């Protein structure tokens, strides 16, 4: 996600620093950006000169200190509240006063994340969707203390990327995952009760005109990520309708995580 968001920002004209504590991971991220830009050239979306200019705006680093002068920092670390809080503590101490700190979380509390900083008014959620260069949506999420100025500045950035912004309330799952994950979870219940994954997906694609079936999507996103998200909804909202399907749990225990592991609801070549 970090590389995808960096590519989106660079295409929009921003100078970008892609930071990862692992130099190899940072280099791979830069490589993914280069590959994405090359594909756009091959499709005739822009020429070699424009591609070169876009790539010149992106550099990599391994130290958070390299973000000190940034106007906007978008965090895209693992979807874990404790990990994100620690990232924001570090960023708050390093990044210049007045800069916006944004989280790409898909459903964790922006208010709780912002509370570990000394600038909660300058913290918000900017939830890009995977893959960020292709997906048109960004969920913008205001925490309890997010200022109007911060929201408007962030909105101008999102608009400049060509994405469509929607404003979500700061409750678990926001809008998209609040609706999507219960659907995926219910699809898993159907499989547990004997339905074939192919039939479940065909039903939603042909009966509801979805471009991808819920189980195909779960494999694409990652079974472990889906389980963590639906579990978070269940634990935070304390509503039984979000109870994770036991089959979800078993698949994660078995290491069947979807495309990235070679097996989920379907099998994939490694």
C-alpha atoms as a PDB file:
ATOM      1  CA  UNK A   1       0.000   0.000   0.000  1.00  0.00           C
ATOM      2  CA  UNK A   2       2.808   2.411   0.821  1.00  0.00           C
ATOM      3  CA  UNK A   3       4.338   2.088  -2.625  1.00  0.00           C
ATOM      4  CA  UNK A   4       0.953   2.456  -4.296  1.00  0.00           C
ATOM      5  CA  UNK A   5       0.115   5.622  -2.364  1.00  0.00           C
ATOM      6  CA  UNK A   6       3.583   7.015  -3.105  1.00  0.00           C
ATOM      7  CA  UNK A   7       3.012   6.396  -6.820  1.00  0.00           C
ATOM      8  CA  UNK A   8      -0.356   8.161  -6.687  1.00  0.00           C
ATOM      9  CA  UNK A   9       1.201  11.190  -4.953  1.00  0.00           C
ATOM     10  CA  UNK A  10       4.132  11.367  -7.398  1.00  0.00           C
ATOM     11  CA  UNK A  11       1.798  11.167 -10.401  1.00  0.00           C
ATOM     12  CA  UNK A  12      -0.103  14.119  -8.902  1.00  0.00           C
ATOM     13  CA  UNK A  13       3.076  16.210  -8.802  1.00  0.00           C
ATOM     14  CA  UNK A  14       4.195  15.764  -5.189  1.00  0.00           C
ATOM     15  CA  UNK A  15       7.765  15.073  -4.127  1.00  0.00           C
ATOM     16  CA  UNK A  16       7.671  11.791  -2.221  1.00  0.00           C
ATOM     17  CA  UNK A  17       9.890  10.037   0.291  1.00  0.00           C
ATOM     18  CA  UNK A  18       9.041   6.346   0.611  1.00  0.00           C
ATOM     19  CA  UNK A  19      10.331   5.230   4.022  1.00  0.00           C
ATOM     20  CA  UNK A  20      10.638   1.655   5.263  1.00  0.00           C
ATOM     21  CA  UNK A  21      12.861   0.433   8.091  1.00  0.00           C
ATOM     22  CA  UNK A  22      13.998  -2.352   5.746  1.00  0.00           C
ATOM     23  CA  UNK A  23      16.117  -1.022   2.863  1.00  0.00           C
ATOM     24  CA  UNK A  24      15.255  -4.042   0.713  1.00  0.00           C
ATOM     25  CA  UNK A  25      11.538  -3.451   1.217  1.00  0.00           C
ATOM     26  CA  UNK A  26      11.966   0.232   0.356  1.00  0.00           C
ATOM     27  CA  UNK A  27      13.824  -0.685  -2.826  1.00  0.00           C
ATOM     28  CA  UNK A  28      11.105  -3.177  -3.775  1.00  0.00           C
ATOM     29  CA  UNK A  29       8.530  -0.455  -3.236  1.00  0.00           C
ATOM     30  CA  UNK A  30      10.407   1.856  -5.586  1.00  0.00           C
ATOM     31  CA  UNK A  31      10.612  -1.000  -8.079  1.00  0.00           C
ATOM     32  CA  UNK A  32       6.840  -1.469  -7.969  1.00  0.00           C
ATOM     33  CA  UNK A  33       6.384   2.226  -8.660  1.00  0.00           C
ATOM     34  CA  UNK A  34       8.743   2.030 -11.636  1.00  0.00           C
ATOM     35  CA  UNK A  35       6.877  -1.004 -12.978  1.00  0.00           C
ATOM     36  CA  UNK A  36       3.540   0.758 -12.612  1.00  0.00           C
ATOM     37  CA  UNK A  37       4.768   3.845 -14.430  1.00  0.00           C
ATOM     38  CA  UNK A  38       6.247   1.719 -17.246  1.00  0.00           C
ATOM     39  CA  UNK A  39       2.875   0.002 -17.737  1.00  0.00           C
ATOM     40  CA  UNK A  40       1.235   3.405 -18.080  1.00  0.00           C
ATOM     41  CA  UNK A  41       3.763   4.362 -20.767  1.00  0.00           C
ATOM     42  CA  UNK A  42       3.070   1.099 -22.612  1.00  0.00           C
ATOM     43  CA  UNK A  43      -0.655   1.900 -22.501  1.00  0.00           C
ATOM     44  CA  UNK A  44       0.004   5.335 -23.979  1.00  0.00           C
ATOM     45  CA  UNK A  45      -1.185   7.226 -20.910  1.00  0.00           C
ATOM     46  CA  UNK A  46       1.946   9.408 -21.006  1.00  0.00           C
ATOM     47  CA  UNK A  47       5.355   9.441 -22.658  1.00  0.00           C
ATOM     48  CA  UNK A  48       8.863   8.557 -21.490  1.00  0.00           C
ATOM     49  CA  UNK A  49       9.656  12.147 -20.514  1.00  0.00           C
ATOM     50  CA  UNK A  50       6.615  12.322 -18.234  1.00  0.00           C
ATOM     51  CA  UNK A  51       7.494   8.929 -16.735  1.00  0.00           C
ATOM     52  CA  UNK A  52      11.017  10.090 -15.999  1.00  0.00           C
ATOM     53  CA  UNK A  53       9.674  13.210 -14.317  1.00  0.00           C
ATOM     54  CA  UNK A  54       7.304  11.183 -12.127  1.00  0.00           C
ATOM     55  CA  UNK A  55      10.036   8.796 -11.021  1.00  0.00           C
ATOM     56  CA  UNK A  56      12.393  11.684 -10.288  1.00  0.00           C
ATOM     57  CA  UNK A  57       9.946  12.809  -7.587  1.00  0.00           C
ATOM     58  CA  UNK A  58      10.304   9.573  -5.612  1.00  0.00           C
ATOM     59  CA  UNK A  59      13.184   8.667  -3.352  1.00  0.00           C
ATOM     60  CA  UNK A  60      13.498   6.039  -0.650  1.00  0.00           C
ATOM     61  CA  UNK A  61      14.802   6.050   2.887  1.00  0.00           C
ATOM     62  CA  UNK A  62      15.045   3.879   5.986  1.00  0.00           C
ATOM     63  CA  UNK A  63      14.916   6.517   8.733  1.00  0.00           C
ATOM     64  CA  UNK A  64      11.779   8.278   9.958  1.00  0.00           C
ATOM     65  CA  UNK A  65      13.933  11.373  10.430  1.00  0.00           C
ATOM     66  CA  UNK A  66      13.939  11.792   6.634  1.00  0.00           C
ATOM     67  CA  UNK A  67      10.286  12.838   6.910  1.00  0.00           C
ATOM     68  CA  UNK A  68      11.036  15.788   9.200  1.00  0.00           C
ATOM     69  CA  UNK A  69      10.299  18.466   6.582  1.00  0.00           C
ATOM     70  CA  UNK A  70       7.243  16.768   5.024  1.00  0.00           C
ATOM     71  CA  UNK A  71       3.957  18.659   4.745  1.00  0.00           C
ATOM     72  CA  UNK A  72       1.908  15.447   4.774  1.00  0.00           C
ATOM     73  CA  UNK A  73       2.871  12.001   6.046  1.00  0.00           C
ATOM     74  CA  UNK A  74       0.655   9.014   5.222  1.00  0.00           C
ATOM     75  CA  UNK A  75       1.335   6.021   7.465  1.00  0.00           C
ATOM     76  CA  UNK A  76       0.784   2.589   5.899  1.00  0.00           C
ATOM     77  CA  UNK A  77       2.203   0.170   8.483  1.00  0.00           C
ATOM     78  CA  UNK A  78       0.614  -3.134   9.545  1.00  0.00           C
ATOM     79  CA  UNK A  79      -3.061  -2.912  10.539  1.00  0.00           C
ATOM     80  CA  UNK A  80      -2.466  -3.136  14.272  1.00  0.00           C
ATOM     81  CA  UNK A  81      -3.472  -0.368  16.677  1.00  0.00           C
ATOM     82  CA  UNK A  82      -0.414  -0.673  18.922  1.00  0.00           C
ATOM     83  CA  UNK A  83       1.953  -0.590  15.926  1.00  0.00           C
ATOM     84  CA  UNK A  84       0.198   2.438  14.459  1.00  0.00           C
ATOM     85  CA  UNK A  85       0.237   4.301  17.780  1.00  0.00           C
ATOM     86  CA  UNK A  86       3.975   3.783  18.087  1.00  0.00           C
ATOM     87  CA  UNK A  87       4.471   5.015  14.515  1.00  0.00           C
ATOM     88  CA  UNK A  88       2.498   8.171  15.266  1.00  0.00           C
ATOM     89  CA  UNK A  89       4.431   8.835  18.476  1.00  0.00           C
ATOM     90  CA  UNK A  90       7.650   8.762  16.479  1.00  0.00           C
ATOM     91  CA  UNK A  91       6.274  10.855  13.639  1.00  0.00           C
ATOM     92  CA  UNK A  92       4.841  13.452  16.011  1.00  0.00           C
ATOM     93  CA  UNK A  93       8.255  13.941  17.608  1.00  0.00           C
ATOM     94  CA  UNK A  94      10.079  14.266  14.280  1.00  0.00           C
ATOM     95  CA  UNK A  95       7.819  15.824  11.642  1.00  0.00           C
ATOM     96  CA  UNK A  96       7.657  19.625  11.578  1.00  0.00           C
ATOM     97  CA  UNK A  97       4.932  21.533  13.386  1.00  0.00           C
ATOM     98  CA  UNK A  98       1.978  22.206  11.135  1.00  0.00           C
ATOM     99  CA  UNK A  99       2.379  19.031   9.071  1.00  0.00           C
ATOM    100  CA  UNK A 100      -0.558  16.668   8.697  1.00  0.00           C
ATOM    101  CA  UNK A 101      -0.212  13.086   9.915  1.00  0.00           C
ATOM    102  CA  UNK A 102      -2.582  10.697   8.144  1.00  0.00           C
ATOM    103  CA  UNK A 103      -3.252   6.993   8.603  1.00  0.00           C
ATOM    104  CA  UNK A 104      -4.165   4.593   5.813  1.00  0.00           C
ATOM    105  CA  UNK A 105      -5.967   2.366   8.326  1.00  0.00           C
ATOM    106  CA  UNK A 106      -8.973   0.535   6.922  1.00  0.00           C
ATOM    107  CA  UNK A 107     -10.975   0.761  10.121  1.00  0.00           C
ATOM    108  CA  UNK A 108      -9.017   1.573  13.303  1.00  0.00           C
ATOM    109  CA  UNK A 109      -9.930   4.570  15.442  1.00  0.00           C
ATOM    110  CA  UNK A 110      -8.416   7.821  14.182  1.00  0.00           C
ATOM    111  CA  UNK A 111      -9.366   9.477  17.470  1.00  0.00           C
ATOM    112  CA  UNK A 112      -7.418   6.886  19.458  1.00  0.00           C
ATOM    113  CA  UNK A 113      -4.407   7.081  17.135  1.00  0.00           C
ATOM    114  CA  UNK A 114      -4.363  10.885  17.241  1.00  0.00           C
ATOM    115  CA  UNK A 115      -4.492  10.917  21.046  1.00  0.00           C
ATOM    116  CA  UNK A 116      -0.868   9.728  21.291  1.00  0.00           C
ATOM    117  CA  UNK A 117       0.296  12.889  19.483  1.00  0.00           C
ATOM    118  CA  UNK A 118       0.555  16.517  20.551  1.00  0.00           C
ATOM    119  CA  UNK A 119      -1.286  17.539  17.362  1.00  0.00           C
ATOM    120  CA  UNK A 120      -4.567  15.582  17.315  1.00  0.00           C
ATOM    121  CA  UNK A 121      -6.135  18.438  15.349  1.00  0.00           C
ATOM    122  CA  UNK A 122      -3.745  17.639  12.482  1.00  0.00           C
ATOM    123  CA  UNK A 123      -4.421  13.889  12.347  1.00  0.00           C
ATOM    124  CA  UNK A 124      -6.970  12.175  10.097  1.00  0.00           C
ATOM    125  CA  UNK A 125      -7.538   9.010   8.114  1.00  0.00           C
ATOM    126  CA  UNK A 126      -6.825   8.764   4.384  1.00  0.00           C
ATOM    127  CA  UNK A 127      -7.862   5.235   3.462  1.00  0.00           C
ATOM    128  CA  UNK A 128      -6.702   4.383  -0.058  1.00  0.00           C
ATOM    129  CA  UNK A 129      -7.848   1.105  -1.574  1.00  0.00           C
ATOM    130  CA  UNK A 130      -5.666  -1.618  -3.068  1.00  0.00           C
ATOM    131  CA  UNK A 131      -4.184  -1.239  -5.613  1.00  0.00           C
ATOM    132  CA  UNK A 132      -3.988   2.488  -4.923  1.00  0.00           C
ATOM    133  CA  UNK A 133      -2.961   3.624  -8.449  1.00  0.00           C
ATOM    134  CA  UNK A 134      -6.061   1.968  -9.965  1.00  0.00           C
ATOM    135  CA  UNK A 135      -8.748   2.267  -7.295  1.00  0.00           C
ATOM    136  CA  UNK A 136     -10.674   5.527  -7.494  1.00  0.00           C
ATOM    137  CA  UNK A 137     -11.832   5.874  -3.880  1.00  0.00           C
ATOM    138  CA  UNK A 138     -10.310   7.429  -0.763  1.00  0.00           C
ATOM    139  CA  UNK A 139     -12.187   7.302   2.535  1.00  0.00           C
ATOM    140  CA  UNK A 140     -11.435  10.445   4.528  1.00  0.00           C
ATOM    141  CA  UNK A 141     -11.968  10.041   8.262  1.00  0.00           C
ATOM    142  CA  UNK A 142     -12.011  12.856  10.804  1.00  0.00           C
ATOM    143  CA  UNK A 143     -11.098  12.042  14.386  1.00  0.00           C
ATOM    144  CA  UNK A 144     -12.880  13.814  17.222  1.00  0.00           C
ATOM    145  CA  UNK A 145     -10.207  16.547  17.259  1.00  0.00           C
ATOM    146  CA  UNK A 146      -9.463  16.846  13.518  1.00  0.00           C
ATOM    147  CA  UNK A 147      -9.716  20.522  12.528  1.00  0.00           C
ATOM    148  CA  UNK A 148     -11.598  21.903   9.544  1.00  0.00           C
ATOM    149  CA  UNK A 149      -8.320  23.294   8.218  1.00  0.00           C
ATOM    150  CA  UNK A 150      -6.674  19.856   8.336  1.00  0.00           C
ATOM    151  CA  UNK A 151      -9.618  18.267   6.565  1.00  0.00           C
ATOM    152  CA  UNK A 152      -9.634  20.911   3.829  1.00  0.00           C
ATOM    153  CA  UNK A 153      -5.871  20.653   3.262  1.00  0.00           C
ATOM    154  CA  UNK A 154      -6.083  16.877   3.028  1.00  0.00           C
ATOM    155  CA  UNK A 155      -9.101  17.131   0.738  1.00  0.00           C
ATOM    156  CA  UNK A 156      -7.141  19.348  -1.652  1.00  0.00           C
ATOM    157  CA  UNK A 157      -4.399  16.708  -1.754  1.00  0.00           C
ATOM    158  CA  UNK A 158      -6.887  13.914  -2.498  1.00  0.00           C
ATOM    159  CA  UNK A 159      -8.575  15.999  -5.189  1.00  0.00           C
ATOM    160  CA  UNK A 160      -5.183  16.666  -6.807  1.00  0.00           C
ATOM    161  CA  UNK A 161      -4.609  12.904  -7.147  1.00  0.00           C
ATOM    162  CA  UNK A 162      -7.791  12.542  -9.165  1.00  0.00           C
ATOM    163  CA  UNK A 163      -9.374  10.237  -6.593  1.00  0.00           C
ATOM    164  CA  UNK A 164     -12.945  10.531  -5.350  1.00  0.00           C
ATOM    165  CA  UNK A 165     -13.172  11.289  -1.628  1.00  0.00           C
ATOM    166  CA  UNK A 166     -15.986  10.271   0.682  1.00  0.00           C
ATOM    167  CA  UNK A 167     -16.234  11.351   4.318  1.00  0.00           C
ATOM    168  CA  UNK A 168     -16.618   8.479   6.772  1.00  0.00           C
ATOM    169  CA  UNK A 169     -17.374   8.713  10.462  1.00  0.00           C
ATOM    170  CA  UNK A 170     -14.747   7.514  12.919  1.00  0.00           C
ATOM    171  CA  UNK A 171     -16.375   4.228  13.848  1.00  0.00           C
ATOM    172  CA  UNK A 172     -14.967   0.716  13.280  1.00  0.00           C
ATOM    173  CA  UNK A 173     -14.810  -0.217   9.597  1.00  0.00           C
ATOM    174  CA  UNK A 174     -15.734   3.290   8.409  1.00  0.00           C
ATOM    175  CA  UNK A 175     -18.098   2.860   5.425  1.00  0.00           C
ATOM    176  CA  UNK A 176     -16.713   0.356   2.925  1.00  0.00           C
ATOM    177  CA  UNK A 177     -15.384  -2.323   5.275  1.00  0.00           C
ATOM    178  CA  UNK A 178     -18.374  -1.902   7.585  1.00  0.00           C
ATOM    179  CA  UNK A 179     -20.513  -3.096   4.672  1.00  0.00           C
ATOM    180  CA  UNK A 180     -18.041  -5.315   2.799  1.00  0.00           C
ATOM    181  CA  UNK A 181     -16.652  -7.543   5.565  1.00  0.00           C
ATOM    182  CA  UNK A 182     -20.014  -8.775   6.868  1.00  0.00           C
ATOM    183  CA  UNK A 183     -20.848  -9.763   3.279  1.00  0.00           C
ATOM    184  CA  UNK A 184     -17.572 -11.660   2.909  1.00  0.00           C
ATOM    185  CA  UNK A 185     -18.071 -13.222   6.349  1.00  0.00           C
ATOM    186  CA  UNK A 186     -21.561 -14.389   5.375  1.00  0.00           C
ATOM    187  CA  UNK A 187     -20.147 -15.854   2.151  1.00  0.00           C
ATOM    188  CA  UNK A 188     -17.691 -17.870   4.271  1.00  0.00           C
ATOM    189  CA  UNK A 189     -20.601 -19.130   6.391  1.00  0.00           C
ATOM    190  CA  UNK A 190     -22.243 -20.337   3.162  1.00  0.00           C
ATOM    191  CA  UNK A 191     -19.110 -22.336   2.304  1.00  0.00           C
ATOM    192  CA  UNK A 192     -18.892 -23.744   5.831  1.00  0.00           C
ATOM    193  CA  UNK A 193     -22.484 -24.900   5.462  1.00  0.00           C
ATOM    194  CA  UNK A 194     -21.716 -26.751   2.222  1.00  0.00           C
ATOM    195  CA  UNK A 195     -21.906 -24.295  -0.679  1.00  0.00           C
ATOM    196  CA  UNK A 196     -19.082 -24.361  -3.228  1.00  0.00           C
ATOM    197  CA  UNK A 197     -16.940 -21.181  -3.397  1.00  0.00           C
ATOM    198  CA  UNK A 198     -17.500 -21.083  -7.170  1.00  0.00           C
ATOM    199  CA  UNK A 199     -21.272 -21.060  -6.684  1.00  0.00           C
ATOM    200  CA  UNK A 200     -21.158 -18.354  -4.006  1.00  0.00           C
ATOM    201  CA  UNK A 201     -19.019 -16.111  -6.198  1.00  0.00           C
ATOM    202  CA  UNK A 202     -21.078 -16.785  -9.327  1.00  0.00           C
ATOM    203  CA  UNK A 203     -24.226 -15.927  -7.387  1.00  0.00           C
ATOM    204  CA  UNK A 204     -22.926 -12.507  -6.361  1.00  0.00           C
ATOM    205  CA  UNK A 205     -21.381 -11.734  -9.752  1.00  0.00           C
ATOM    206  CA  UNK A 206     -24.352 -12.785 -11.858  1.00  0.00           C
ATOM    207  CA  UNK A 207     -27.131 -12.042  -9.385  1.00  0.00           C
ATOM    208  CA  UNK A 208     -25.845  -8.739  -7.972  1.00  0.00           C
ATOM    209  CA  UNK A 209     -23.553  -7.632 -10.826  1.00  0.00           C
ATOM    210  CA  UNK A 210     -20.451  -7.576  -8.613  1.00  0.00           C
ATOM    211  CA  UNK A 211     -17.226  -7.532 -10.686  1.00  0.00           C
ATOM    212  CA  UNK A 212     -15.575 -10.000  -8.294  1.00  0.00           C
ATOM    213  CA  UNK A 213     -17.109 -12.588  -5.980  1.00  0.00           C
ATOM    214  CA  UNK A 214     -16.716 -12.118  -2.206  1.00  0.00           C
ATOM    215  CA  UNK A 215     -14.513 -15.193  -1.817  1.00  0.00           C
ATOM    216  CA  UNK A 216     -12.301 -14.221  -4.768  1.00  0.00           C
ATOM    217  CA  UNK A 217     -11.976 -10.828  -3.120  1.00  0.00           C
ATOM    218  CA  UNK A 218     -11.123 -12.376   0.249  1.00  0.00           C
ATOM    219  CA  UNK A 219      -8.332 -14.367  -1.398  1.00  0.00           C
ATOM    220  CA  UNK A 220      -7.082 -11.208  -3.108  1.00  0.00           C
ATOM    221  CA  UNK A 221      -7.094  -9.098   0.071  1.00  0.00           C
ATOM    222  CA  UNK A 222      -5.806 -11.902   2.313  1.00  0.00           C
ATOM    223  CA  UNK A 223      -7.838 -14.232   4.513  1.00  0.00           C
ATOM    224  CA  UNK A 224      -5.871 -13.118   7.577  1.00  0.00           C
ATOM    225  CA  UNK A 225      -6.548  -9.444   6.832  1.00  0.00           C
ATOM    226  CA  UNK A 226     -10.263 -10.124   6.382  1.00  0.00           C
ATOM    227  CA  UNK A 227     -10.417 -12.101   9.616  1.00  0.00           C
ATOM    228  CA  UNK A 228      -8.602  -9.360  11.531  1.00  0.00           C
ATOM    229  CA  UNK A 229     -11.014  -6.746  10.173  1.00  0.00           C
ATOM    230  CA  UNK A 230     -14.233  -8.638  10.917  1.00  0.00           C
ATOM    231  CA  UNK A 231     -12.859  -9.559  14.355  1.00  0.00           C
ATOM    232  CA  UNK A 232     -12.154  -5.900  15.023  1.00  0.00           C
ATOM    233  CA  UNK A 233     -15.728  -5.002  14.082  1.00  0.00           C
ATOM    234  CA  UNK A 234     -17.058  -7.720  16.390  1.00  0.00           C
ATOM    235  CA  UNK A 235     -14.898  -6.723  19.351  1.00  0.00           C
ATOM    236  CA  UNK A 236     -15.401  -2.974  18.999  1.00  0.00           C
ATOM    237  CA  UNK A 237     -19.099  -2.834  18.159  1.00  0.00           C
ATOM    238  CA  UNK A 238     -20.059  -5.800  20.369  1.00  0.00           C
ATOM    239  CA  UNK A 239     -22.716  -6.845  17.896  1.00  0.00           C
ATOM    240  CA  UNK A 240     -23.237 -10.545  17.144  1.00  0.00           C
ATOM    241  CA  UNK A 241     -23.893  -9.845  13.459  1.00  0.00           C
ATOM    242  CA  UNK A 242     -20.114  -9.358  13.068  1.00  0.00           C
ATOM    243  CA  UNK A 243     -19.201 -12.729  14.647  1.00  0.00           C
ATOM    244  CA  UNK A 244     -16.310 -14.169  12.584  1.00  0.00           C
ATOM    245  CA  UNK A 245     -17.139 -17.392  10.793  1.00  0.00           C
ATOM    246  CA  UNK A 246     -15.265 -20.344  12.401  1.00  0.00           C
ATOM    247  CA  UNK A 247     -14.083 -21.409   8.936  1.00  0.00           C
ATOM    248  CA  UNK A 248     -12.287 -18.056   8.619  1.00  0.00           C
ATOM    249  CA  UNK A 249     -10.355 -18.887  11.790  1.00  0.00           C
ATOM    250  CA  UNK A 250      -9.510 -22.415  10.668  1.00  0.00           C
ATOM    251  CA  UNK A 251      -8.174 -21.215   7.319  1.00  0.00           C
ATOM    252  CA  UNK A 252      -5.839 -18.732   8.985  1.00  0.00           C
ATOM    253  CA  UNK A 253      -4.670 -21.429  11.409  1.00  0.00           C
ATOM    254  CA  UNK A 254      -3.941 -23.661   8.403  1.00  0.00           C
ATOM    255  CA  UNK A 255      -1.995 -20.923   6.631  1.00  0.00           C
ATOM    256  CA  UNK A 256      -4.543 -20.713   3.818  1.00  0.00           C
ATOM    257  CA  UNK A 257      -4.299 -16.953   3.398  1.00  0.00           C
ATOM    258  CA  UNK A 258      -5.357 -16.568  -0.225  1.00  0.00           C
ATOM    259  CA  UNK A 259      -3.267 -15.568  -3.226  1.00  0.00           C
ATOM    260  CA  UNK A 260      -0.197 -14.647  -1.182  1.00  0.00           C
ATOM    261  CA  UNK A 261       0.087 -18.165   0.283  1.00  0.00           C
ATOM    262  CA  UNK A 262      -1.005 -20.066  -2.837  1.00  0.00           C
ATOM    263  CA  UNK A 263      -4.227 -21.306  -1.291  1.00  0.00           C
ATOM    264  CA  UNK A 264      -7.386 -19.758   0.097  1.00  0.00           C
ATOM    265  CA  UNK A 265     -10.863 -20.516  -1.141  1.00  0.00           C
ATOM    266  CA  UNK A 266      -9.084 -21.291  -4.413  1.00  0.00           C
ATOM    267  CA  UNK A 267      -5.620 -22.600  -5.299  1.00  0.00           C
ATOM    268  CA  UNK A 268      -3.001 -20.399  -6.981  1.00  0.00           C
ATOM    269  CA  UNK A 269       0.327 -21.125  -8.620  1.00  0.00           C
ATOM    270  CA  UNK A 270       3.259 -19.797  -6.569  1.00  0.00           C
END
